[in-house]
Amino acid sequence: MPDQPRKPGPNDSVLVAFVTVHLLSGESFELLPFEDADDVKSKVSDLLADWVQSGFLIQGSQIYPWQQVLRVEATEVVELSRADFLLRREQWQSRDLYRLQQSFWKTKKKRSNEDDKGSEEKNHQN
């Protein structure tokens, strides 16, 4: 008996939703993509409900009060093979980690500049 072609199962593909947050200030940013094999819409909806309940949207090192969020928009939903998804997820996570590191260093640099100004002001007062 020849091998029957294998029918794709539910675990062979992943639905991925790309979500953009738009703030009242005009700033916008993408969240890490949401993924689920069957129902990615529920994952996005559940997370949004949790954010509304907490009152805050957290993106990396930034915390935005929920009332600063104008809208949250699912910009694209795609279906990927599990292997392609795993490869892309690594890329998305490394890109997000890079963005967080850059944000950290910008914050640290600002803090260092403020500390330098503060110590100069103290020296002038003495």
N, C-alpha and C. Protein backbone atom coordinates (compact mmCIF):
# COMPACT_ATOMS: atom_id res chain seq x y z
N MET A 1 0.83 -1.17 0.00
CA MET A 1 0.00 0.00 0.00
C MET A 1 0.88 1.24 0.00
N PRO A 2 0.71 2.14 -0.96
CA PRO A 2 1.53 3.35 -0.97
C PRO A 2 1.15 4.27 0.18
N ASP A 3 2.15 5.05 0.59
CA ASP A 3 1.90 6.03 1.66
C ASP A 3 0.87 7.04 1.19
N GLN A 4 -0.09 7.27 2.05
CA GLN A 4 -1.09 8.30 1.78
C GLN A 4 -0.48 9.66 2.06
N PRO A 5 -0.78 10.65 1.20
CA PRO A 5 -0.27 11.99 1.53
C PRO A 5 -0.83 12.44 2.87
N ARG A 6 0.05 13.02 3.65
CA ARG A 6 -0.35 13.48 4.97
C ARG A 6 -1.12 14.78 4.87
N LYS A 7 -2.29 14.81 5.48
CA LYS A 7 -3.08 16.03 5.50
C LYS A 7 -2.53 16.95 6.58
N PRO A 8 -2.45 18.24 6.27
CA PRO A 8 -1.96 19.16 7.30
C PRO A 8 -2.87 19.14 8.51
N GLY A 9 -2.27 19.11 9.67
CA GLY A 9 -3.03 19.14 10.91
C GLY A 9 -3.08 20.54 11.47
N PRO A 10 -3.83 20.72 12.55
CA PRO A 10 -3.95 22.05 13.13
C PRO A 10 -2.65 22.59 13.69
N ASN A 11 -1.69 21.71 13.99
CA ASN A 11 -0.42 22.17 14.56
C ASN A 11 0.63 22.46 13.50
N ASP A 12 0.27 22.35 12.23
CA ASP A 12 1.25 22.58 11.17
C ASP A 12 1.34 24.03 10.74
N SER A 13 0.41 24.85 11.18
CA SER A 13 0.48 26.27 10.83
C SER A 13 0.11 27.11 12.04
N VAL A 14 0.50 28.37 11.95
CA VAL A 14 0.28 29.31 13.05
C VAL A 14 -0.30 30.59 12.46
N LEU A 15 -1.33 31.12 13.11
CA LEU A 15 -1.88 32.42 12.74
C LEU A 15 -1.10 33.49 13.52
N VAL A 16 -0.68 34.53 12.81
CA VAL A 16 0.11 35.59 13.43
C VAL A 16 -0.58 36.92 13.16
N ALA A 17 -0.84 37.68 14.23
CA ALA A 17 -1.46 39.01 14.09
C ALA A 17 -0.43 40.07 14.44
N PHE A 18 -0.30 41.04 13.54
CA PHE A 18 0.58 42.18 13.77
C PHE A 18 -0.30 43.33 14.27
N VAL A 19 0.11 43.93 15.39
CA VAL A 19 -0.72 44.91 16.07
C VAL A 19 0.08 46.20 16.28
N THR A 20 -0.55 47.33 15.92
CA THR A 20 0.07 48.64 16.10
C THR A 20 -0.75 49.43 17.11
N VAL A 21 -0.06 50.09 18.03
CA VAL A 21 -0.69 50.95 19.03
C VAL A 21 -0.49 52.39 18.59
N HIS A 22 -1.59 53.15 18.53
CA HIS A 22 -1.53 54.57 18.19
C HIS A 22 -1.88 55.37 19.44
N LEU A 23 -1.02 56.31 19.79
CA LEU A 23 -1.23 57.14 20.98
C LEU A 23 -1.83 58.49 20.58
N LEU A 24 -2.45 59.16 21.53
CA LEU A 24 -3.02 60.49 21.29
C LEU A 24 -1.96 61.49 20.86
N SER A 25 -0.72 61.27 21.28
CA SER A 25 0.38 62.18 20.95
C SER A 25 0.80 62.10 19.48
N GLY A 26 0.27 61.09 18.76
CA GLY A 26 0.66 60.88 17.37
C GLY A 26 1.71 59.79 17.23
N GLU A 27 2.33 59.41 18.32
CA GLU A 27 3.32 58.33 18.31
C GLU A 27 2.61 56.99 18.09
N SER A 28 3.29 56.07 17.42
CA SER A 28 2.76 54.72 17.26
C SER A 28 3.91 53.73 17.31
N PHE A 29 3.59 52.50 17.70
CA PHE A 29 4.60 51.45 17.75
C PHE A 29 3.93 50.10 17.60
N GLU A 30 4.72 49.15 17.14
CA GLU A 30 4.22 47.79 16.96
C GLU A 30 4.51 46.97 18.21
N LEU A 31 3.56 46.14 18.56
CA LEU A 31 3.78 45.17 19.63
C LEU A 31 4.40 43.93 19.01
N LEU A 32 4.99 43.09 19.85
CA LEU A 32 5.45 41.80 19.32
C LEU A 32 4.25 41.09 18.73
N PRO A 33 4.41 40.41 17.61
CA PRO A 33 3.27 39.74 16.99
C PRO A 33 2.62 38.71 17.92
N PHE A 34 1.31 38.62 17.82
CA PHE A 34 0.54 37.64 18.57
C PHE A 34 0.44 36.38 17.73
N GLU A 35 0.46 35.22 18.38
CA GLU A 35 0.38 33.98 17.61
C GLU A 35 -0.51 32.96 18.31
N ASP A 36 -1.17 32.17 17.48
CA ASP A 36 -1.99 31.07 17.97
C ASP A 36 -2.28 30.16 16.80
N ALA A 37 -2.40 28.89 17.05
CA ALA A 37 -2.66 27.95 15.96
C ALA A 37 -4.09 28.04 15.46
N ASP A 38 -5.02 28.44 16.32
CA ASP A 38 -6.43 28.42 15.94
C ASP A 38 -7.14 29.77 15.99
N ASP A 39 -6.91 30.54 17.07
CA ASP A 39 -7.73 31.72 17.29
C ASP A 39 -6.90 32.89 17.81
N VAL A 40 -6.18 33.54 16.92
CA VAL A 40 -5.31 34.64 17.31
C VAL A 40 -6.13 35.86 17.74
N LYS A 41 -7.32 36.01 17.21
CA LYS A 41 -8.18 37.15 17.58
C LYS A 41 -8.48 37.14 19.07
N SER A 42 -8.75 35.97 19.64
CA SER A 42 -9.03 35.88 21.07
C SER A 42 -7.81 36.28 21.90
N LYS A 43 -6.62 35.90 21.45
CA LYS A 43 -5.40 36.28 22.18
C LYS A 43 -5.25 37.79 22.24
N VAL A 44 -5.46 38.46 21.10
CA VAL A 44 -5.34 39.91 21.05
C VAL A 44 -6.42 40.54 21.93
N SER A 45 -7.65 40.07 21.80
CA SER A 45 -8.76 40.62 22.58
C SER A 45 -8.54 40.43 24.08
N ASP A 46 -8.06 39.26 24.49
CA ASP A 46 -7.80 39.00 25.91
C ASP A 46 -6.73 39.94 26.47
N LEU A 47 -5.67 40.15 25.70
CA LEU A 47 -4.61 41.04 26.17
C LEU A 47 -5.11 42.47 26.28
N LEU A 48 -5.88 42.92 25.30
CA LEU A 48 -6.44 44.27 25.35
C LEU A 48 -7.35 44.44 26.56
N ALA A 49 -8.17 43.43 26.84
CA ALA A 49 -9.06 43.50 28.01
C ALA A 49 -8.24 43.61 29.30
N ASP A 50 -7.14 42.87 29.38
CA ASP A 50 -6.27 42.95 30.56
C ASP A 50 -5.67 44.34 30.70
N TRP A 51 -5.24 44.94 29.57
CA TRP A 51 -4.67 46.28 29.62
C TRP A 51 -5.70 47.31 30.06
N VAL A 52 -6.91 47.20 29.53
CA VAL A 52 -7.96 48.15 29.90
C VAL A 52 -8.24 48.04 31.40
N GLN A 53 -8.29 46.82 31.90
CA GLN A 53 -8.57 46.59 33.31
C GLN A 53 -7.45 47.15 34.20
N SER A 54 -6.19 46.99 33.77
CA SER A 54 -5.07 47.48 34.59
C SER A 54 -4.93 48.99 34.51
N GLY A 55 -5.36 49.58 33.38
CA GLY A 55 -5.24 51.03 33.21
C GLY A 55 -3.94 51.47 32.55
N PHE A 56 -3.06 50.53 32.23
CA PHE A 56 -1.76 50.90 31.67
C PHE A 56 -1.40 50.01 30.49
N LEU A 57 -0.72 50.60 29.55
CA LEU A 57 -0.13 49.88 28.44
C LEU A 57 1.37 49.91 28.64
N ILE A 58 2.01 48.76 28.70
CA ILE A 58 3.45 48.69 28.93
C ILE A 58 4.10 48.23 27.64
N GLN A 59 5.06 49.03 27.17
CA GLN A 59 5.83 48.69 25.97
C GLN A 59 7.30 48.83 26.32
N GLY A 60 7.96 47.71 26.52
CA GLY A 60 9.37 47.76 26.91
C GLY A 60 9.53 48.47 28.23
N SER A 61 10.31 49.53 28.25
CA SER A 61 10.54 50.28 29.48
C SER A 61 9.56 51.45 29.63
N GLN A 62 8.66 51.61 28.68
CA GLN A 62 7.70 52.71 28.71
C GLN A 62 6.36 52.24 29.28
N ILE A 63 5.74 53.07 30.08
CA ILE A 63 4.42 52.79 30.63
C ILE A 63 3.51 53.93 30.21
N TYR A 64 2.44 53.57 29.49
CA TYR A 64 1.48 54.56 29.00
C TYR A 64 0.15 54.37 29.72
N PRO A 65 -0.38 55.44 30.36
CA PRO A 65 -1.73 55.32 30.90
C PRO A 65 -2.69 54.99 29.76
N TRP A 66 -3.63 54.11 30.02
CA TRP A 66 -4.52 53.63 28.97
C TRP A 66 -5.23 54.78 28.26
N GLN A 67 -5.53 55.88 28.96
CA GLN A 67 -6.25 56.99 28.33
C GLN A 67 -5.39 57.71 27.29
N GLN A 68 -4.09 57.43 27.22
CA GLN A 68 -3.24 58.01 26.18
C GLN A 68 -3.29 57.21 24.87
N VAL A 69 -3.93 56.03 24.92
CA VAL A 69 -4.01 55.17 23.74
C VAL A 69 -5.23 55.59 22.91
N LEU A 70 -4.97 56.00 21.69
CA LEU A 70 -6.04 56.39 20.76
C LEU A 70 -6.74 55.16 20.21
N ARG A 71 -5.93 54.22 19.69
CA ARG A 71 -6.51 52.98 19.17
C ARG A 71 -5.42 51.91 19.06
N VAL A 72 -5.89 50.69 19.06
CA VAL A 72 -5.01 49.54 18.85
C VAL A 72 -5.54 48.86 17.59
N GLU A 73 -4.66 48.70 16.63
CA GLU A 73 -5.08 48.26 15.30
C GLU A 73 -4.33 46.98 14.89
N ALA A 74 -5.09 45.95 14.53
CA ALA A 74 -4.49 44.76 13.94
C ALA A 74 -4.26 45.09 12.47
N THR A 75 -3.00 45.23 12.09
CA THR A 75 -2.68 45.68 10.74
C THR A 75 -2.59 44.54 9.74
N GLU A 76 -2.33 43.32 10.25
CA GLU A 76 -2.20 42.19 9.33
C GLU A 76 -2.32 40.90 10.12
N VAL A 77 -2.95 39.91 9.51
CA VAL A 77 -2.99 38.56 10.06
C VAL A 77 -2.54 37.62 8.95
N VAL A 78 -1.53 36.80 9.26
CA VAL A 78 -0.99 35.87 8.26
C VAL A 78 -0.95 34.47 8.85
N GLU A 79 -0.95 33.50 7.97
CA GLU A 79 -0.80 32.11 8.38
C GLU A 79 0.58 31.65 7.92
N LEU A 80 1.37 31.14 8.87
CA LEU A 80 2.72 30.70 8.57
C LEU A 80 2.87 29.23 8.94
N SER A 81 3.78 28.55 8.26
CA SER A 81 4.11 27.19 8.67
C SER A 81 4.79 27.28 10.04
N ARG A 82 4.72 26.23 10.80
CA ARG A 82 5.31 26.23 12.14
C ARG A 82 6.82 26.54 12.06
N ALA A 83 7.51 25.95 11.10
CA ALA A 83 8.96 26.18 10.97
C ALA A 83 9.25 27.64 10.63
N ASP A 84 8.51 28.20 9.70
CA ASP A 84 8.71 29.60 9.32
C ASP A 84 8.39 30.52 10.49
N PHE A 85 7.34 30.19 11.22
CA PHE A 85 6.97 30.99 12.38
C PHE A 85 8.09 30.99 13.42
N LEU A 86 8.65 29.81 13.72
CA LEU A 86 9.70 29.73 14.73
C LEU A 86 10.92 30.57 14.34
N LEU A 87 11.27 30.54 13.07
CA LEU A 87 12.38 31.35 12.59
C LEU A 87 12.08 32.84 12.71
N ARG A 88 10.89 33.23 12.28
CA ARG A 88 10.52 34.65 12.35
C ARG A 88 10.37 35.14 13.78
N ARG A 89 9.86 34.27 14.66
CA ARG A 89 9.69 34.68 16.06
C ARG A 89 11.04 35.05 16.66
N GLU A 90 12.08 34.30 16.36
CA GLU A 90 13.42 34.64 16.85
C GLU A 90 13.84 36.02 16.35
N GLN A 91 13.55 36.31 15.08
CA GLN A 91 13.90 37.62 14.52
C GLN A 91 13.12 38.73 15.21
N TRP A 92 11.83 38.52 15.41
CA TRP A 92 11.00 39.54 16.07
C TRP A 92 11.48 39.79 17.49
N GLN A 93 11.79 38.73 18.21
CA GLN A 93 12.23 38.88 19.60
C GLN A 93 13.58 39.57 19.67
N SER A 94 14.50 39.23 18.77
CA SER A 94 15.80 39.89 18.80
C SER A 94 15.68 41.37 18.43
N ARG A 95 14.78 41.69 17.48
CA ARG A 95 14.56 43.08 17.10
C ARG A 95 13.96 43.86 18.28
N ASP A 96 13.02 43.23 18.99
CA ASP A 96 12.40 43.89 20.14
C ASP A 96 13.42 44.06 21.26
N LEU A 97 14.26 43.06 21.48
CA LEU A 97 15.30 43.17 22.50
C LEU A 97 16.27 44.29 22.16
N TYR A 98 16.64 44.40 20.89
CA TYR A 98 17.52 45.49 20.46
C TYR A 98 16.87 46.84 20.74
N ARG A 99 15.59 46.97 20.43
CA ARG A 99 14.87 48.23 20.66
C ARG A 99 14.84 48.56 22.16
N LEU A 100 14.62 47.54 23.00
CA LEU A 100 14.62 47.76 24.45
C LEU A 100 15.99 48.19 24.96
N GLN A 101 17.05 47.58 24.42
CA GLN A 101 18.40 47.96 24.82
C GLN A 101 18.70 49.40 24.43
N GLN A 102 18.30 49.80 23.23
CA GLN A 102 18.52 51.18 22.78
C GLN A 102 17.76 52.15 23.67
N SER A 103 16.54 51.80 24.02
CA SER A 103 15.73 52.64 24.91
C SER A 103 16.40 52.77 26.27
N PHE A 104 16.93 51.67 26.78
CA PHE A 104 17.63 51.69 28.07
C PHE A 104 18.82 52.64 28.03
N TRP A 105 19.64 52.54 26.98
CA TRP A 105 20.83 53.38 26.90
C TRP A 105 20.47 54.84 26.71
N LYS A 106 19.39 55.14 25.99
CA LYS A 106 18.96 56.54 25.86
C LYS A 106 18.54 57.08 27.21
N THR A 107 17.80 56.26 27.97
CA THR A 107 17.35 56.68 29.30
C THR A 107 18.55 56.87 30.22
N LYS A 108 19.49 55.95 30.17
CA LYS A 108 20.69 56.05 31.01
C LYS A 108 21.49 57.30 30.65
N LYS A 109 21.61 57.60 29.35
CA LYS A 109 22.35 58.78 28.92
C LYS A 109 21.67 60.05 29.41
N LYS A 110 20.34 60.12 29.30
CA LYS A 110 19.61 61.29 29.79
C LYS A 110 19.82 61.45 31.29
N ARG A 111 19.75 60.34 32.01
CA ARG A 111 19.92 60.40 33.46
C ARG A 111 21.32 60.89 33.80
N SER A 112 22.33 60.41 33.09
CA SER A 112 23.72 60.84 33.33
C SER A 112 23.86 62.33 33.06
N ASN A 113 23.26 62.82 31.99
CA ASN A 113 23.31 64.26 31.67
C ASN A 113 22.63 65.08 32.76
N GLU A 114 21.48 64.59 33.25
CA GLU A 114 20.77 65.31 34.32
C GLU A 114 21.59 65.30 35.60
N ASP A 115 22.25 64.18 35.91
CA ASP A 115 23.09 64.10 37.09
C ASP A 115 24.26 65.08 36.98
N ASP A 116 24.85 65.18 35.79
CA ASP A 116 25.96 66.11 35.58
C ASP A 116 25.49 67.55 35.78
N LYS A 117 24.32 67.89 35.25
CA LYS A 117 23.79 69.25 35.42
C LYS A 117 23.49 69.53 36.88
N GLY A 118 22.94 68.53 37.58
CA GLY A 118 22.63 68.70 38.99
C GLY A 118 23.86 68.94 39.82
N SER A 119 24.94 68.23 39.53
CA SER A 119 26.17 68.42 40.31
C SER A 119 26.81 69.77 39.97
N GLU A 120 26.67 70.24 38.72
CA GLU A 120 27.19 71.57 38.37
C GLU A 120 26.43 72.65 39.12
N GLU A 121 25.11 72.50 39.23
CA GLU A 121 24.30 73.49 39.94
C GLU A 121 24.68 73.52 41.41
N LYS A 122 24.92 72.35 42.01
CA LYS A 122 25.33 72.30 43.41
C LYS A 122 26.67 72.98 43.61
N ASN A 123 27.60 72.79 42.67
CA ASN A 123 28.92 73.42 42.78
C ASN A 123 28.80 74.94 42.69
N HIS A 124 27.88 75.45 41.85
CA HIS A 124 27.69 76.89 41.73
C HIS A 124 27.05 77.47 42.98
N GLN A 125 26.21 76.70 43.64
CA GLN A 125 25.54 77.19 44.85
C GLN A 125 26.51 77.26 46.02
N ASN A 126 27.52 76.41 46.03
CA ASN A 126 28.47 76.37 47.15
C ASN A 126 29.48 77.42 47.01
